[in-house]
Amino acid sequence: MSFFKGEMHPEGHNEPAIPAEEDAVMEKFAQKVVEWRMAVPAILFIESGRPLNYIASQAMVVAQPLAQPMLEMIFNFQEYDVFRQALERRENVENVLQKIEKYDAEMYAWEKRFKKYIKEERKKWKWYQRYLGISKPRLEVPDDLRPPYVRWREEARRKKAESENS
């Protein structure tokens, strides 16, 4: 098969599947990045360090004792090692970027829906509530307008409970 026929990989070449625990840790990382509204800086940082992904993963080994207290907000020791090992392979760097972009698009869509809802609710307020801020009514947000990261956390808890039960 020729290179110019569209097939870039040799016959029978299969991409190795990403292990489930690596995928779960990368999902968790991407969700936290988007929840903290740091998607753009994270994408910029990861893209700029892409050629050095193996060296960066080895630097994570050296920095583990220093960075661990700060990273406990995201990972425990085992997940940190899995994430470090996942970043050694280039395809996982692209996978992390795609996950961040996917969750960022979901967050952006939610923000648009939420702002539209707030705008419609404010139209119902009286003039002094709108312009002077006096006696603002309590805003009841429907369940379908909850932030996506709340749903992500619930799904993670449900998956963890299912894995512990089975």
C-alpha atoms as a PDB file:
ATOM      1  CA  MET A   1       0.000   0.000   0.000  1.00  0.00           C
ATOM      2  CA  SER A   2       1.393   3.364  -0.992  1.00  0.00           C
ATOM      3  CA  PHE A   3       1.924   6.302   1.343  1.00  0.00           C
ATOM      4  CA  PHE A   4      -0.040   8.507  -1.031  1.00  0.00           C
ATOM      5  CA  LYS A   5      -3.158   6.337  -1.095  1.00  0.00           C
ATOM      6  CA  GLY A   6      -4.279   7.670   2.277  1.00  0.00           C
ATOM      7  CA  GLU A   7      -3.048   4.867   4.536  1.00  0.00           C
ATOM      8  CA  MET A   8      -0.202   6.158   6.709  1.00  0.00           C
ATOM      9  CA  HIS A   9       0.211   3.129   8.948  1.00  0.00           C
ATOM     10  CA  PRO A  10       1.599  -0.199   7.757  1.00  0.00           C
ATOM     11  CA  GLU A  11      -0.738  -3.172   7.337  1.00  0.00           C
ATOM     12  CA  GLY A  12      -1.998  -4.580  10.609  1.00  0.00           C
ATOM     13  CA  HIS A  13      -0.738  -1.640  12.693  1.00  0.00           C
ATOM     14  CA  ASN A  14      -3.159  -1.068  15.540  1.00  0.00           C
ATOM     15  CA  GLU A  15      -2.965   1.793  17.985  1.00  0.00           C
ATOM     16  CA  PRO A  16      -2.658   0.480  21.528  1.00  0.00           C
ATOM     17  CA  ALA A  17      -5.784   1.068  23.565  1.00  0.00           C
ATOM     18  CA  ILE A  18      -5.525   3.441  26.492  1.00  0.00           C
ATOM     19  CA  PRO A  19      -5.868   1.533  29.773  1.00  0.00           C
ATOM     20  CA  ALA A  20      -9.057   2.258  31.698  1.00  0.00           C
ATOM     21  CA  GLU A  21      -7.315   3.626  34.790  1.00  0.00           C
ATOM     22  CA  GLU A  22      -5.203   6.038  32.702  1.00  0.00           C
ATOM     23  CA  ASP A  23      -8.320   7.212  30.890  1.00  0.00           C
ATOM     24  CA  ALA A  24     -10.159   7.728  34.196  1.00  0.00           C
ATOM     25  CA  VAL A  25      -7.274   9.765  35.652  1.00  0.00           C
ATOM     26  CA  MET A  26      -7.053  11.907  32.509  1.00  0.00           C
ATOM     27  CA  GLU A  27     -10.828  12.475  32.658  1.00  0.00           C
ATOM     28  CA  LYS A  28     -10.517  13.559  36.283  1.00  0.00           C
ATOM     29  CA  PHE A  29      -7.671  15.946  35.431  1.00  0.00           C
ATOM     30  CA  ALA A  30      -9.583  17.478  32.506  1.00  0.00           C
ATOM     31  CA  GLN A  31     -12.710  17.936  34.608  1.00  0.00           C
ATOM     32  CA  LYS A  32     -10.791  19.698  37.386  1.00  0.00           C
ATOM     33  CA  VAL A  33      -9.032  21.995  34.922  1.00  0.00           C
ATOM     34  CA  VAL A  34     -12.355  23.035  33.376  1.00  0.00           C
ATOM     35  CA  GLU A  35     -14.059  23.329  36.769  1.00  0.00           C
ATOM     36  CA  TRP A  36     -11.352  25.763  37.882  1.00  0.00           C
ATOM     37  CA  ARG A  37     -11.834  27.697  34.600  1.00  0.00           C
ATOM     38  CA  MET A  38      -8.204  27.120  33.614  1.00  0.00           C
ATOM     39  CA  ALA A  39      -8.795  25.397  30.267  1.00  0.00           C
ATOM     40  CA  VAL A  40      -7.037  27.958  28.084  1.00  0.00           C
ATOM     41  CA  PRO A  41      -3.860  28.219  30.210  1.00  0.00           C
ATOM     42  CA  ALA A  42      -3.762  24.422  30.552  1.00  0.00           C
ATOM     43  CA  ILE A  43      -4.106  23.895  26.808  1.00  0.00           C
ATOM     44  CA  LEU A  44      -1.421  26.488  26.138  1.00  0.00           C
ATOM     45  CA  PHE A  45       0.941  24.914  28.676  1.00  0.00           C
ATOM     46  CA  ILE A  46       0.358  21.351  27.467  1.00  0.00           C
ATOM     47  CA  GLU A  47       0.673  22.308  23.791  1.00  0.00           C
ATOM     48  CA  SER A  48       3.908  24.197  24.383  1.00  0.00           C
ATOM     49  CA  GLY A  49       5.389  21.285  26.313  1.00  0.00           C
ATOM     50  CA  ARG A  50       4.222  18.582  23.924  1.00  0.00           C
ATOM     51  CA  PRO A  51       7.680  17.922  22.392  1.00  0.00           C
ATOM     52  CA  LEU A  52       9.051  17.429  25.905  1.00  0.00           C
ATOM     53  CA  ASN A  53       6.287  15.191  27.245  1.00  0.00           C
ATOM     54  CA  TYR A  54       8.614  12.345  28.266  1.00  0.00           C
ATOM     55  CA  ILE A  55      11.045  14.715  29.997  1.00  0.00           C
ATOM     56  CA  ALA A  56       8.125  16.455  31.719  1.00  0.00           C
ATOM     57  CA  SER A  57       6.773  13.140  32.984  1.00  0.00           C
ATOM     58  CA  GLN A  58      10.207  12.332  34.424  1.00  0.00           C
ATOM     59  CA  ALA A  59      10.326  15.790  36.012  1.00  0.00           C
ATOM     60  CA  MET A  60       7.050  14.871  37.697  1.00  0.00           C
ATOM     61  CA  VAL A  61       8.921  12.030  39.414  1.00  0.00           C
ATOM     62  CA  VAL A  62      11.517  14.453  40.773  1.00  0.00           C
ATOM     63  CA  ALA A  63       8.907  17.032  41.787  1.00  0.00           C
ATOM     64  CA  GLN A  64       6.524  14.552  43.388  1.00  0.00           C
ATOM     65  CA  PRO A  65       7.532  15.237  47.023  1.00  0.00           C
ATOM     66  CA  LEU A  66       7.269  18.981  46.464  1.00  0.00           C
ATOM     67  CA  ALA A  67       4.133  18.991  44.354  1.00  0.00           C
ATOM     68  CA  GLN A  68       2.161  16.312  46.166  1.00  0.00           C
ATOM     69  CA  PRO A  69       0.571  18.557  48.837  1.00  0.00           C
ATOM     70  CA  MET A  70      -0.656  20.874  46.113  1.00  0.00           C
ATOM     71  CA  LEU A  71      -1.810  18.047  43.839  1.00  0.00           C
ATOM     72  CA  GLU A  72      -3.798  16.299  46.553  1.00  0.00           C
ATOM     73  CA  MET A  73      -6.682  18.482  45.433  1.00  0.00           C
ATOM     74  CA  ILE A  74      -6.747  16.393  42.242  1.00  0.00           C
ATOM     75  CA  PHE A  75      -4.866  13.118  42.715  1.00  0.00           C
ATOM     76  CA  ASN A  76      -3.788  10.687  45.379  1.00  0.00           C
ATOM     77  CA  PHE A  77      -0.353   9.005  45.158  1.00  0.00           C
ATOM     78  CA  GLN A  78      -1.507   6.141  42.959  1.00  0.00           C
ATOM     79  CA  GLU A  79      -3.389   8.400  40.527  1.00  0.00           C
ATOM     80  CA  TYR A  80      -0.375  10.724  40.343  1.00  0.00           C
ATOM     81  CA  ASP A  81       1.821   7.813  39.225  1.00  0.00           C
ATOM     82  CA  VAL A  82      -0.766   6.675  36.687  1.00  0.00           C
ATOM     83  CA  PHE A  83      -1.034  10.229  35.313  1.00  0.00           C
ATOM     84  CA  ARG A  84       2.741  10.534  35.116  1.00  0.00           C
ATOM     85  CA  GLN A  85       3.007   7.227  33.248  1.00  0.00           C
ATOM     86  CA  ALA A  86       0.211   8.257  30.905  1.00  0.00           C
ATOM     87  CA  LEU A  87       2.000  11.474  29.971  1.00  0.00           C
ATOM     88  CA  GLU A  88       5.045   9.503  28.831  1.00  0.00           C
ATOM     89  CA  ARG A  89       3.213   8.594  25.617  1.00  0.00           C
ATOM     90  CA  ARG A  90       2.413  11.279  23.047  1.00  0.00           C
ATOM     91  CA  GLU A  91      -1.043   9.949  22.177  1.00  0.00           C
ATOM     92  CA  ASN A  92      -2.123  10.508  25.771  1.00  0.00           C
ATOM     93  CA  VAL A  93      -1.087  14.159  25.611  1.00  0.00           C
ATOM     94  CA  GLU A  94      -3.437  14.596  22.672  1.00  0.00           C
ATOM     95  CA  ASN A  95      -6.104  12.630  24.547  1.00  0.00           C
ATOM     96  CA  VAL A  96      -5.853  14.976  27.556  1.00  0.00           C
ATOM     97  CA  LEU A  97      -6.149  18.006  25.286  1.00  0.00           C
ATOM     98  CA  GLN A  98      -9.238  16.582  23.591  1.00  0.00           C
ATOM     99  CA  LYS A  99     -10.861  15.864  26.951  1.00  0.00           C
ATOM    100  CA  ILE A 100     -10.163  19.390  28.189  1.00  0.00           C
ATOM    101  CA  GLU A 101     -11.625  20.853  25.005  1.00  0.00           C
ATOM    102  CA  LYS A 102     -14.704  18.602  25.247  1.00  0.00           C
ATOM    103  CA  TYR A 103     -15.429  19.588  28.850  1.00  0.00           C
ATOM    104  CA  ASP A 104     -14.682  23.236  28.114  1.00  0.00           C
ATOM    105  CA  ALA A 105     -17.231  23.219  25.279  1.00  0.00           C
ATOM    106  CA  GLU A 106     -19.777  21.665  27.642  1.00  0.00           C
ATOM    107  CA  MET A 107     -19.051  24.328  30.270  1.00  0.00           C
ATOM    108  CA  TYR A 108     -19.335  27.100  27.663  1.00  0.00           C
ATOM    109  CA  ALA A 109     -22.734  25.809  26.501  1.00  0.00           C
ATOM    110  CA  TRP A 110     -23.917  25.680  30.125  1.00  0.00           C
ATOM    111  CA  GLU A 111     -22.738  29.258  30.758  1.00  0.00           C
ATOM    112  CA  LYS A 112     -24.689  30.480  27.726  1.00  0.00           C
ATOM    113  CA  ARG A 113     -27.866  28.712  28.893  1.00  0.00           C
ATOM    114  CA  PHE A 114     -27.408  29.984  32.453  1.00  0.00           C
ATOM    115  CA  LYS A 115     -26.842  33.598  31.396  1.00  0.00           C
ATOM    116  CA  LYS A 116     -29.919  33.440  29.185  1.00  0.00           C
ATOM    117  CA  TYR A 117     -31.948  32.098  32.132  1.00  0.00           C
ATOM    118  CA  ILE A 118     -30.665  34.875  34.434  1.00  0.00           C
ATOM    119  CA  LYS A 119     -31.489  37.498  31.830  1.00  0.00           C
ATOM    120  CA  GLU A 120     -35.052  36.189  31.507  1.00  0.00           C
ATOM    121  CA  GLU A 121     -35.470  36.062  35.289  1.00  0.00           C
ATOM    122  CA  ARG A 122     -34.249  39.643  35.716  1.00  0.00           C
ATOM    123  CA  LYS A 123     -36.904  40.830  33.287  1.00  0.00           C
ATOM    124  CA  LYS A 124     -39.471  39.691  35.869  1.00  0.00           C
ATOM    125  CA  TRP A 125     -37.942  41.841  38.619  1.00  0.00           C
ATOM    126  CA  LYS A 126     -39.239  45.275  39.480  1.00  0.00           C
ATOM    127  CA  TRP A 127     -37.233  48.323  38.418  1.00  0.00           C
ATOM    128  CA  TYR A 128     -35.744  49.001  41.870  1.00  0.00           C
ATOM    129  CA  GLN A 129     -34.597  45.377  42.149  1.00  0.00           C
ATOM    130  CA  ARG A 130     -32.944  45.511  38.760  1.00  0.00           C
ATOM    131  CA  TYR A 131     -31.219  48.873  38.955  1.00  0.00           C
ATOM    132  CA  LEU A 132     -30.777  49.590  42.656  1.00  0.00           C
ATOM    133  CA  GLY A 133     -30.324  46.054  43.912  1.00  0.00           C
ATOM    134  CA  ILE A 134     -32.819  46.578  46.718  1.00  0.00           C
ATOM    135  CA  SER A 135     -34.694  43.504  47.896  1.00  0.00           C
ATOM    136  CA  LYS A 136     -33.535  41.149  45.179  1.00  0.00           C
ATOM    137  CA  PRO A 137     -35.691  38.023  44.985  1.00  0.00           C
ATOM    138  CA  ARG A 138     -34.119  34.667  45.712  1.00  0.00           C
ATOM    139  CA  LEU A 139     -33.209  32.945  42.478  1.00  0.00           C
ATOM    140  CA  GLU A 140     -34.250  29.305  42.228  1.00  0.00           C
ATOM    141  CA  VAL A 141     -32.162  27.557  39.585  1.00  0.00           C
ATOM    142  CA  PRO A 142     -33.800  24.508  37.978  1.00  0.00           C
ATOM    143  CA  ASP A 143     -31.968  21.170  38.036  1.00  0.00           C
ATOM    144  CA  ASP A 144     -31.268  21.186  34.304  1.00  0.00           C
ATOM    145  CA  LEU A 145     -29.220  24.392  34.790  1.00  0.00           C
ATOM    146  CA  ARG A 146     -26.889  23.004  37.434  1.00  0.00           C
ATOM    147  CA  PRO A 147     -23.216  23.395  36.531  1.00  0.00           C
ATOM    148  CA  PRO A 148     -21.838  20.432  34.556  1.00  0.00           C
ATOM    149  CA  TYR A 149     -19.080  19.790  37.096  1.00  0.00           C
ATOM    150  CA  VAL A 150     -21.741  18.876  39.674  1.00  0.00           C
ATOM    151  CA  ARG A 151     -22.970  16.165  37.302  1.00  0.00           C
ATOM    152  CA  TRP A 152     -19.351  15.065  36.651  1.00  0.00           C
ATOM    153  CA  ARG A 153     -18.786  14.632  40.389  1.00  0.00           C
ATOM    154  CA  GLU A 154     -22.006  12.649  40.792  1.00  0.00           C
ATOM    155  CA  GLU A 155     -21.042  10.347  37.909  1.00  0.00           C
ATOM    156  CA  ALA A 156     -17.587   9.804  39.412  1.00  0.00           C
ATOM    157  CA  ARG A 157     -19.097   8.941  42.802  1.00  0.00           C
ATOM    158  CA  ARG A 158     -21.567   6.561  41.162  1.00  0.00           C
ATOM    159  CA  LYS A 159     -18.798   4.814  39.182  1.00  0.00           C
ATOM    160  CA  LYS A 160     -16.658   4.533  42.302  1.00  0.00           C
ATOM    161  CA  ALA A 161     -19.554   3.044  44.284  1.00  0.00           C
ATOM    162  CA  GLU A 162     -20.287   0.561  41.475  1.00  0.00           C
ATOM    163  CA  SER A 163     -16.644  -0.515  41.320  1.00  0.00           C
ATOM    164  CA  GLU A 164     -16.514  -0.995  45.104  1.00  0.00           C
ATOM    165  CA  ASN A 165     -19.733  -3.052  45.098  1.00  0.00           C
ATOM    166  CA  SER A 166     -18.610  -5.363  42.306  1.00  0.00           C
END
